[in-house]
């Protein structure tokens, strides 16, 4: 038996989240089923983040103990051949003693992508080339206002307004960084109503269930003028789930990276 750690990317559109569920397609379930087909043994896969239904990942971290006598390169290739096209094992390495993808993590980074009108007016509410991985905003939000409001959420707070604890009742989390930015395109817009890409990057020691999407939705409410910054601060202080703005759709959210302090060189470039 070899204990290995892996870096996994997936399009979460057709999955009911990462964590295995009975009679529902999940990323963890697909990883385990294909690995069992490959090795002839059931192997439990653990992950760093329990991404929700429809949420994607570029840097999900997993660990698994499996019977394998060959190289990890051969394991990765054989595993990927059996996995659906929407899941890719990007890298495998020997897991160091004491490593757990979730409990060893020091921070997680998510990104939420929005496409919005570049200058006034309204944009289309859907667009085939981005619908699986972004939300279309009908109006252009005020990025400066959203970033001003975001600064109120940075630090250690009780985020009960914006999510539920996956286990127990502790809803205190530490947001390390939180900011929106415009992503410049390399080609001039050809559309009669040009759009721009806005990306929210959020890094925290851990996230509550739906916390990332609720925070993104509440900041967008500020950007569209439905909320003022002080209303966001009051909602945070209330510790009441009913005070959050509606969560943004899952398709715009990607788990980008998981950082480990003790195992900082786990997936370093080689």
C-alpha atoms as a PDB file:
ATOM      1  CA  UNK A   1       0.000   0.000   0.000  1.00  0.00           C
ATOM      2  CA  UNK A   2       1.255   3.458  -0.927  1.00  0.00           C
ATOM      3  CA  UNK A   3      -0.109   6.694   0.458  1.00  0.00           C
ATOM      4  CA  UNK A   4      -0.064   9.388  -2.202  1.00  0.00           C
ATOM      5  CA  UNK A   5      -1.182  13.008  -2.438  1.00  0.00           C
ATOM      6  CA  UNK A   6      -2.629  14.434  -5.611  1.00  0.00           C
ATOM      7  CA  UNK A   7      -3.578  17.676  -7.318  1.00  0.00           C
ATOM      8  CA  UNK A   8      -6.936  17.427  -9.098  1.00  0.00           C
ATOM      9  CA  UNK A   9      -8.893  19.694 -11.459  1.00  0.00           C
ATOM     10  CA  UNK A  10     -12.530  19.239 -12.421  1.00  0.00           C
ATOM     11  CA  UNK A  11     -15.512  20.806 -14.105  1.00  0.00           C
ATOM     12  CA  UNK A  12     -18.145  20.464 -11.389  1.00  0.00           C
ATOM     13  CA  UNK A  13     -21.169  21.145 -13.615  1.00  0.00           C
ATOM     14  CA  UNK A  14     -22.402  17.565 -13.682  1.00  0.00           C
ATOM     15  CA  UNK A  15     -21.442  16.629 -10.107  1.00  0.00           C
ATOM     16  CA  UNK A  16     -23.274  17.057  -6.804  1.00  0.00           C
ATOM     17  CA  UNK A  17     -20.144  18.419  -5.179  1.00  0.00           C
ATOM     18  CA  UNK A  18     -16.885  16.731  -4.222  1.00  0.00           C
ATOM     19  CA  UNK A  19     -17.990  14.617  -1.256  1.00  0.00           C
ATOM     20  CA  UNK A  20     -19.386  11.163  -2.008  1.00  0.00           C
ATOM     21  CA  UNK A  21     -23.180  10.739  -1.739  1.00  0.00           C
ATOM     22  CA  UNK A  22     -25.512   7.806  -2.195  1.00  0.00           C
ATOM     23  CA  UNK A  23     -26.919   7.573  -5.717  1.00  0.00           C
ATOM     24  CA  UNK A  24     -25.583  11.002  -6.719  1.00  0.00           C
ATOM     25  CA  UNK A  25     -22.601  11.672  -9.016  1.00  0.00           C
ATOM     26  CA  UNK A  26     -19.712  13.268  -7.097  1.00  0.00           C
ATOM     27  CA  UNK A  27     -16.060  13.939  -7.814  1.00  0.00           C
ATOM     28  CA  UNK A  28     -14.907  11.821  -4.884  1.00  0.00           C
ATOM     29  CA  UNK A  29     -17.148   8.985  -6.030  1.00  0.00           C
ATOM     30  CA  UNK A  30     -15.709   9.093  -9.555  1.00  0.00           C
ATOM     31  CA  UNK A  31     -12.151   9.106  -8.238  1.00  0.00           C
ATOM     32  CA  UNK A  32     -12.830   6.132  -5.968  1.00  0.00           C
ATOM     33  CA  UNK A  33     -14.755   4.087  -8.531  1.00  0.00           C
ATOM     34  CA  UNK A  34     -12.116   4.460 -11.229  1.00  0.00           C
ATOM     35  CA  UNK A  35      -9.272   3.760  -8.801  1.00  0.00           C
ATOM     36  CA  UNK A  36     -11.046   0.589  -7.652  1.00  0.00           C
ATOM     37  CA  UNK A  37     -11.394  -0.453 -11.289  1.00  0.00           C
ATOM     38  CA  UNK A  38      -7.670   0.148 -11.760  1.00  0.00           C
ATOM     39  CA  UNK A  39      -6.326  -1.512  -8.604  1.00  0.00           C
ATOM     40  CA  UNK A  40      -9.031  -4.049  -7.778  1.00  0.00           C
ATOM     41  CA  UNK A  41      -9.410  -2.601  -4.264  1.00  0.00           C
ATOM     42  CA  UNK A  42     -11.652   0.036  -2.722  1.00  0.00           C
ATOM     43  CA  UNK A  43      -9.548   3.053  -1.742  1.00  0.00           C
ATOM     44  CA  UNK A  44     -11.016   5.971   0.209  1.00  0.00           C
ATOM     45  CA  UNK A  45     -10.050   9.339  -1.280  1.00  0.00           C
ATOM     46  CA  UNK A  46      -9.984  12.384   1.018  1.00  0.00           C
ATOM     47  CA  UNK A  47     -10.066  15.959  -0.225  1.00  0.00           C
ATOM     48  CA  UNK A  48      -9.059  19.416   0.972  1.00  0.00           C
ATOM     49  CA  UNK A  49     -12.413  21.058   0.234  1.00  0.00           C
ATOM     50  CA  UNK A  50     -16.005  19.856   0.027  1.00  0.00           C
ATOM     51  CA  UNK A  51     -16.933  21.934  -2.979  1.00  0.00           C
ATOM     52  CA  UNK A  52     -20.696  22.352  -3.491  1.00  0.00           C
ATOM     53  CA  UNK A  53     -22.823  21.128  -6.369  1.00  0.00           C
ATOM     54  CA  UNK A  54     -21.686  22.767  -9.611  1.00  0.00           C
ATOM     55  CA  UNK A  55     -18.502  24.293  -8.163  1.00  0.00           C
ATOM     56  CA  UNK A  56     -15.240  23.686 -10.024  1.00  0.00           C
ATOM     57  CA  UNK A  57     -11.628  23.177  -8.973  1.00  0.00           C
ATOM     58  CA  UNK A  58      -8.242  23.822 -10.464  1.00  0.00           C
ATOM     59  CA  UNK A  59      -6.245  22.988  -7.335  1.00  0.00           C
ATOM     60  CA  UNK A  60      -8.182  20.469  -5.251  1.00  0.00           C
ATOM     61  CA  UNK A  61      -5.797  18.376  -3.141  1.00  0.00           C
ATOM     62  CA  UNK A  62      -6.493  14.725  -2.392  1.00  0.00           C
ATOM     63  CA  UNK A  63      -4.820  11.859  -0.547  1.00  0.00           C
ATOM     64  CA  UNK A  64      -5.360   8.135  -0.904  1.00  0.00           C
ATOM     65  CA  UNK A  65      -3.760   4.860   0.156  1.00  0.00           C
ATOM     66  CA  UNK A  66      -3.718   2.376  -2.708  1.00  0.00           C
ATOM     67  CA  UNK A  67      -2.025  -0.884  -3.679  1.00  0.00           C
ATOM     68  CA  UNK A  68       0.350   0.131  -6.477  1.00  0.00           C
ATOM     69  CA  UNK A  69       3.757  -1.300  -7.379  1.00  0.00           C
ATOM     70  CA  UNK A  70       4.620   0.881 -10.365  1.00  0.00           C
ATOM     71  CA  UNK A  71       5.604   4.542 -10.709  1.00  0.00           C
ATOM     72  CA  UNK A  72       3.288   7.371  -9.734  1.00  0.00           C
ATOM     73  CA  UNK A  73       3.525   8.619 -13.312  1.00  0.00           C
ATOM     74  CA  UNK A  74       2.051   5.303 -14.468  1.00  0.00           C
ATOM     75  CA  UNK A  75      -0.660   5.536 -11.803  1.00  0.00           C
ATOM     76  CA  UNK A  76      -1.623   9.059 -12.870  1.00  0.00           C
ATOM     77  CA  UNK A  77      -1.817   8.098 -16.541  1.00  0.00           C
ATOM     78  CA  UNK A  78      -3.842   4.954 -15.920  1.00  0.00           C
ATOM     79  CA  UNK A  79      -6.184   6.767 -13.519  1.00  0.00           C
ATOM     80  CA  UNK A  80      -6.804   9.600 -15.969  1.00  0.00           C
ATOM     81  CA  UNK A  81      -7.582   7.128 -18.742  1.00  0.00           C
ATOM     82  CA  UNK A  82     -10.495   5.811 -16.661  1.00  0.00           C
ATOM     83  CA  UNK A  83     -11.769   9.109 -15.291  1.00  0.00           C
ATOM     84  CA  UNK A  84     -14.449  11.112 -17.143  1.00  0.00           C
ATOM     85  CA  UNK A  85     -13.163  14.001 -19.245  1.00  0.00           C
ATOM     86  CA  UNK A  86     -14.414  16.470 -16.624  1.00  0.00           C
ATOM     87  CA  UNK A  87     -11.864  15.265 -14.024  1.00  0.00           C
ATOM     88  CA  UNK A  88      -8.069  15.331 -14.324  1.00  0.00           C
ATOM     89  CA  UNK A  89      -5.437  14.149 -11.849  1.00  0.00           C
ATOM     90  CA  UNK A  90      -2.799  16.792 -12.515  1.00  0.00           C
ATOM     91  CA  UNK A  91      -0.042  15.479 -10.269  1.00  0.00           C
ATOM     92  CA  UNK A  92       0.731  12.696  -7.803  1.00  0.00           C
ATOM     93  CA  UNK A  93       3.460  12.572  -5.180  1.00  0.00           C
ATOM     94  CA  UNK A  94       4.286  10.505  -2.116  1.00  0.00           C
ATOM     95  CA  UNK A  95       2.274  11.810   0.847  1.00  0.00           C
ATOM     96  CA  UNK A  96       4.557  12.798   3.747  1.00  0.00           C
ATOM     97  CA  UNK A  97       3.888  11.304   7.205  1.00  0.00           C
ATOM     98  CA  UNK A  98       1.055  13.050   9.017  1.00  0.00           C
ATOM     99  CA  UNK A  99      -0.316  14.747   5.900  1.00  0.00           C
ATOM    100  CA  UNK A 100      -4.086  15.179   5.484  1.00  0.00           C
ATOM    101  CA  UNK A 101      -5.391  17.300   2.589  1.00  0.00           C
ATOM    102  CA  UNK A 102      -8.078  18.962   4.706  1.00  0.00           C
ATOM    103  CA  UNK A 103      -6.740  19.105   8.259  1.00  0.00           C
ATOM    104  CA  UNK A 104      -3.184  20.028   7.282  1.00  0.00           C
ATOM    105  CA  UNK A 105      -4.300  22.956   5.101  1.00  0.00           C
ATOM    106  CA  UNK A 106      -3.350  26.462   6.206  1.00  0.00           C
ATOM    107  CA  UNK A 107      -5.414  28.369   3.621  1.00  0.00           C
ATOM    108  CA  UNK A 108      -7.704  27.931   0.631  1.00  0.00           C
ATOM    109  CA  UNK A 109      -8.158  30.295  -2.290  1.00  0.00           C
ATOM    110  CA  UNK A 110     -11.368  30.518  -4.316  1.00  0.00           C
ATOM    111  CA  UNK A 111     -12.146  32.734  -7.290  1.00  0.00           C
ATOM    112  CA  UNK A 112     -15.530  33.887  -8.548  1.00  0.00           C
ATOM    113  CA  UNK A 113     -15.864  35.200 -12.116  1.00  0.00           C
ATOM    114  CA  UNK A 114     -18.479  37.624 -13.397  1.00  0.00           C
ATOM    115  CA  UNK A 115     -18.917  39.054 -16.892  1.00  0.00           C
ATOM    116  CA  UNK A 116     -20.594  42.464 -16.925  1.00  0.00           C
ATOM    117  CA  UNK A 117     -21.211  45.361 -19.341  1.00  0.00           C
ATOM    118  CA  UNK A 118     -18.007  47.315 -19.892  1.00  0.00           C
ATOM    119  CA  UNK A 119     -19.784  50.662 -20.021  1.00  0.00           C
ATOM    120  CA  UNK A 120     -23.364  51.275 -18.950  1.00  0.00           C
ATOM    121  CA  UNK A 121     -26.462  49.633 -20.372  1.00  0.00           C
ATOM    122  CA  UNK A 122     -27.296  45.964 -19.968  1.00  0.00           C
ATOM    123  CA  UNK A 123     -25.586  42.835 -21.249  1.00  0.00           C
ATOM    124  CA  UNK A 124     -26.918  39.453 -22.284  1.00  0.00           C
ATOM    125  CA  UNK A 125     -27.956  37.249 -19.381  1.00  0.00           C
ATOM    126  CA  UNK A 126     -26.177  34.240 -20.839  1.00  0.00           C
ATOM    127  CA  UNK A 127     -23.345  33.524 -23.250  1.00  0.00           C
ATOM    128  CA  UNK A 128     -22.442  30.006 -24.442  1.00  0.00           C
ATOM    129  CA  UNK A 129     -18.666  30.405 -24.120  1.00  0.00           C
ATOM    130  CA  UNK A 130     -18.691  31.388 -20.445  1.00  0.00           C
ATOM    131  CA  UNK A 131     -21.919  30.045 -18.934  1.00  0.00           C
ATOM    132  CA  UNK A 132     -20.314  26.947 -17.381  1.00  0.00           C
ATOM    133  CA  UNK A 133     -17.643  28.939 -15.534  1.00  0.00           C
ATOM    134  CA  UNK A 134     -18.995  32.436 -14.900  1.00  0.00           C
ATOM    135  CA  UNK A 135     -22.058  34.474 -14.048  1.00  0.00           C
ATOM    136  CA  UNK A 136     -23.401  37.119 -16.419  1.00  0.00           C
ATOM    137  CA  UNK A 137     -24.331  40.325 -14.617  1.00  0.00           C
ATOM    138  CA  UNK A 138     -26.960  42.398 -16.459  1.00  0.00           C
ATOM    139  CA  UNK A 139     -25.440  45.638 -15.122  1.00  0.00           C
ATOM    140  CA  UNK A 140     -21.916  46.896 -14.470  1.00  0.00           C
ATOM    141  CA  UNK A 141     -21.056  46.808 -10.738  1.00  0.00           C
ATOM    142  CA  UNK A 142     -18.904  49.390  -8.973  1.00  0.00           C
ATOM    143  CA  UNK A 143     -15.625  47.545  -8.324  1.00  0.00           C
ATOM    144  CA  UNK A 144     -14.283  50.265  -6.015  1.00  0.00           C
ATOM    145  CA  UNK A 145     -17.406  50.079  -3.836  1.00  0.00           C
ATOM    146  CA  UNK A 146     -17.156  46.283  -3.677  1.00  0.00           C
ATOM    147  CA  UNK A 147     -13.506  46.427  -2.635  1.00  0.00           C
ATOM    148  CA  UNK A 148     -14.272  49.034  -0.003  1.00  0.00           C
ATOM    149  CA  UNK A 149     -16.928  46.757   1.462  1.00  0.00           C
ATOM    150  CA  UNK A 150     -14.676  43.695   1.158  1.00  0.00           C
ATOM    151  CA  UNK A 151     -12.084  45.250   3.448  1.00  0.00           C
ATOM    152  CA  UNK A 152     -14.622  45.076   6.298  1.00  0.00           C
ATOM    153  CA  UNK A 153     -14.662  41.280   6.036  1.00  0.00           C
ATOM    154  CA  UNK A 154     -10.904  40.740   6.149  1.00  0.00           C
ATOM    155  CA  UNK A 155      -9.678  39.307   9.434  1.00  0.00           C
ATOM    156  CA  UNK A 156     -11.092  36.887  11.984  1.00  0.00           C
ATOM    157  CA  UNK A 157     -14.884  37.124  12.365  1.00  0.00           C
ATOM    158  CA  UNK A 158     -17.916  35.016  13.062  1.00  0.00           C
ATOM    159  CA  UNK A 159     -19.242  34.435   9.534  1.00  0.00           C
ATOM    160  CA  UNK A 160     -22.507  32.736  10.595  1.00  0.00           C
ATOM    161  CA  UNK A 161     -24.420  35.186   8.365  1.00  0.00           C
ATOM    162  CA  UNK A 162     -22.650  33.855   5.287  1.00  0.00           C
ATOM    163  CA  UNK A 163     -22.526  30.094   5.819  1.00  0.00           C
ATOM    164  CA  UNK A 164     -23.008  27.001   7.900  1.00  0.00           C
ATOM    165  CA  UNK A 165     -20.349  25.008   9.709  1.00  0.00           C
ATOM    166  CA  UNK A 166     -19.646  21.683   7.943  1.00  0.00           C
ATOM    167  CA  UNK A 167     -19.281  20.070  11.373  1.00  0.00           C
ATOM    168  CA  UNK A 168     -20.159  21.313  14.835  1.00  0.00           C
ATOM    169  CA  UNK A 169     -21.185  24.913  15.451  1.00  0.00           C
ATOM    170  CA  UNK A 170     -17.975  26.914  15.036  1.00  0.00           C
ATOM    171  CA  UNK A 171     -18.562  29.585  12.386  1.00  0.00           C
ATOM    172  CA  UNK A 172     -15.461  31.687  13.105  1.00  0.00           C
ATOM    173  CA  UNK A 173     -13.117  31.920  10.141  1.00  0.00           C
ATOM    174  CA  UNK A 174     -10.191  34.154   9.101  1.00  0.00           C
ATOM    175  CA  UNK A 175     -10.279  35.842   5.704  1.00  0.00           C
ATOM    176  CA  UNK A 176      -6.694  36.582   4.700  1.00  0.00           C
ATOM    177  CA  UNK A 177      -7.382  38.505   1.491  1.00  0.00           C
ATOM    178  CA  UNK A 178     -10.509  39.491  -0.422  1.00  0.00           C
ATOM    179  CA  UNK A 179     -10.584  41.682  -3.529  1.00  0.00           C
ATOM    180  CA  UNK A 180     -12.202  42.219  -6.936  1.00  0.00           C
ATOM    181  CA  UNK A 181     -10.212  43.065 -10.050  1.00  0.00           C
ATOM    182  CA  UNK A 182     -10.875  43.698 -13.722  1.00  0.00           C
ATOM    183  CA  UNK A 183      -9.116  41.257 -16.016  1.00  0.00           C
ATOM    184  CA  UNK A 184      -7.935  42.986 -19.164  1.00  0.00           C
ATOM    185  CA  UNK A 185      -8.540  41.270 -22.507  1.00  0.00           C
ATOM    186  CA  UNK A 186      -5.824  41.206 -25.165  1.00  0.00           C
ATOM    187  CA  UNK A 187      -8.201  41.830 -28.093  1.00  0.00           C
ATOM    188  CA  UNK A 188     -10.487  44.833 -28.618  1.00  0.00           C
ATOM    189  CA  UNK A 189     -14.170  44.129 -28.090  1.00  0.00           C
ATOM    190  CA  UNK A 190     -16.151  43.370 -31.250  1.00  0.00           C
ATOM    191  CA  UNK A 191     -19.531  43.180 -29.527  1.00  0.00           C
ATOM    192  CA  UNK A 192     -22.075  45.970 -29.978  1.00  0.00           C
ATOM    193  CA  UNK A 193     -22.309  45.939 -26.171  1.00  0.00           C
ATOM    194  CA  UNK A 194     -18.806  45.016 -24.912  1.00  0.00           C
ATOM    195  CA  UNK A 195     -18.419  43.141 -21.629  1.00  0.00           C
ATOM    196  CA  UNK A 196     -15.592  42.897 -19.117  1.00  0.00           C
ATOM    197  CA  UNK A 197     -14.440  40.118 -16.814  1.00  0.00           C
ATOM    198  CA  UNK A 198     -14.455  40.747 -13.047  1.00  0.00           C
ATOM    199  CA  UNK A 199     -12.807  38.261 -10.693  1.00  0.00           C
ATOM    200  CA  UNK A 200     -13.183  38.017  -6.924  1.00  0.00           C
ATOM    201  CA  UNK A 201     -10.220  36.316  -5.228  1.00  0.00           C
ATOM    202  CA  UNK A 202     -10.792  35.194  -1.657  1.00  0.00           C
ATOM    203  CA  UNK A 203      -8.307  33.428   0.599  1.00  0.00           C
ATOM    204  CA  UNK A 204      -9.210  32.171   4.067  1.00  0.00           C
ATOM    205  CA  UNK A 205      -7.962  29.630   6.562  1.00  0.00           C
ATOM    206  CA  UNK A 206     -11.206  27.719   5.895  1.00  0.00           C
ATOM    207  CA  UNK A 207     -14.688  28.339   4.487  1.00  0.00           C
ATOM    208  CA  UNK A 208     -18.176  27.594   5.751  1.00  0.00           C
ATOM    209  CA  UNK A 209     -20.701  25.909   3.492  1.00  0.00           C
ATOM    210  CA  UNK A 210     -21.735  28.388   0.783  1.00  0.00           C
ATOM    211  CA  UNK A 211     -19.628  31.085   2.451  1.00  0.00           C
ATOM    212  CA  UNK A 212     -17.722  31.973  -0.723  1.00  0.00           C
ATOM    213  CA  UNK A 213     -20.895  32.308  -2.809  1.00  0.00           C
ATOM    214  CA  UNK A 214     -22.767  34.240  -0.112  1.00  0.00           C
ATOM    215  CA  UNK A 215     -19.884  36.667   0.374  1.00  0.00           C
ATOM    216  CA  UNK A 216     -19.625  37.123  -3.405  1.00  0.00           C
ATOM    217  CA  UNK A 217     -23.369  37.743  -3.646  1.00  0.00           C
ATOM    218  CA  UNK A 218     -23.346  40.275  -0.809  1.00  0.00           C
ATOM    219  CA  UNK A 219     -20.413  42.171  -2.311  1.00  0.00           C
ATOM    220  CA  UNK A 220     -22.129  42.217  -5.699  1.00  0.00           C
ATOM    221  CA  UNK A 221     -25.215  43.667  -3.992  1.00  0.00           C
ATOM    222  CA  UNK A 222     -22.997  46.544  -2.842  1.00  0.00           C
ATOM    223  CA  UNK A 223     -21.532  46.914  -6.320  1.00  0.00           C
ATOM    224  CA  UNK A 224     -24.982  47.118  -7.931  1.00  0.00           C
ATOM    225  CA  UNK A 225     -26.240  49.646  -5.381  1.00  0.00           C
ATOM    226  CA  UNK A 226     -28.735  47.346  -3.655  1.00  0.00           C
ATOM    227  CA  UNK A 227     -26.675  47.488  -0.442  1.00  0.00           C
ATOM    228  CA  UNK A 228     -24.465  50.057   1.212  1.00  0.00           C
ATOM    229  CA  UNK A 229     -21.140  49.080   2.761  1.00  0.00           C
ATOM    230  CA  UNK A 230     -22.461  49.673   6.269  1.00  0.00           C
ATOM    231  CA  UNK A 231     -25.308  47.230   5.580  1.00  0.00           C
ATOM    232  CA  UNK A 232     -22.731  44.543   4.834  1.00  0.00           C
ATOM    233  CA  UNK A 233     -20.964  45.299   8.117  1.00  0.00           C
ATOM    234  CA  UNK A 234     -24.283  45.104   9.973  1.00  0.00           C
ATOM    235  CA  UNK A 235     -25.112  41.795   8.310  1.00  0.00           C
ATOM    236  CA  UNK A 236     -21.760  40.345   9.389  1.00  0.00           C
ATOM    237  CA  UNK A 237     -22.287  41.517  12.960  1.00  0.00           C
ATOM    238  CA  UNK A 238     -25.828  40.068  13.092  1.00  0.00           C
ATOM    239  CA  UNK A 239     -24.576  36.451  12.680  1.00  0.00           C
ATOM    240  CA  UNK A 240     -27.934  35.657  11.060  1.00  0.00           C
ATOM    241  CA  UNK A 241     -28.176  33.564   7.861  1.00  0.00           C
ATOM    242  CA  UNK A 242     -31.238  35.541   6.827  1.00  0.00           C
ATOM    243  CA  UNK A 243     -29.161  38.731   6.569  1.00  0.00           C
ATOM    244  CA  UNK A 244     -26.949  37.554   3.701  1.00  0.00           C
ATOM    245  CA  UNK A 245     -27.686  38.499   0.113  1.00  0.00           C
ATOM    246  CA  UNK A 246     -28.626  35.494  -2.063  1.00  0.00           C
ATOM    247  CA  UNK A 247     -25.644  33.329  -3.012  1.00  0.00           C
ATOM    248  CA  UNK A 248     -24.296  33.687  -6.513  1.00  0.00           C
ATOM    249  CA  UNK A 249     -24.707  30.631  -8.790  1.00  0.00           C
ATOM    250  CA  UNK A 250     -22.108  27.869  -8.292  1.00  0.00           C
ATOM    251  CA  UNK A 251     -20.883  27.862 -11.894  1.00  0.00           C
ATOM    252  CA  UNK A 252     -18.725  30.962 -11.373  1.00  0.00           C
ATOM    253  CA  UNK A 253     -16.769  29.537  -8.423  1.00  0.00           C
ATOM    254  CA  UNK A 254     -13.439  27.701  -8.650  1.00  0.00           C
ATOM    255  CA  UNK A 255     -11.262  26.247  -5.883  1.00  0.00           C
ATOM    256  CA  UNK A 256      -7.940  27.551  -7.140  1.00  0.00           C
ATOM    257  CA  UNK A 257      -5.354  26.593  -4.557  1.00  0.00           C
ATOM    258  CA  UNK A 258      -4.794  24.981  -1.171  1.00  0.00           C
ATOM    259  CA  UNK A 259      -1.757  26.110   0.790  1.00  0.00           C
ATOM    260  CA  UNK A 260       0.106  24.046   3.360  1.00  0.00           C
ATOM    261  CA  UNK A 261       2.483  25.583   5.881  1.00  0.00           C
ATOM    262  CA  UNK A 262       4.091  22.395   7.169  1.00  0.00           C
ATOM    263  CA  UNK A 263       4.122  20.766   3.729  1.00  0.00           C
ATOM    264  CA  UNK A 264       4.826  23.863   1.647  1.00  0.00           C
ATOM    265  CA  UNK A 265       6.909  21.996  -0.944  1.00  0.00           C
ATOM    266  CA  UNK A 266       4.360  19.216  -1.512  1.00  0.00           C
ATOM    267  CA  UNK A 267       3.515  20.292  -5.068  1.00  0.00           C
ATOM    268  CA  UNK A 268       6.449  22.582  -5.757  1.00  0.00           C
ATOM    269  CA  UNK A 269       7.628  22.709  -9.362  1.00  0.00           C
ATOM    270  CA  UNK A 270      10.176  20.042 -10.227  1.00  0.00           C
END
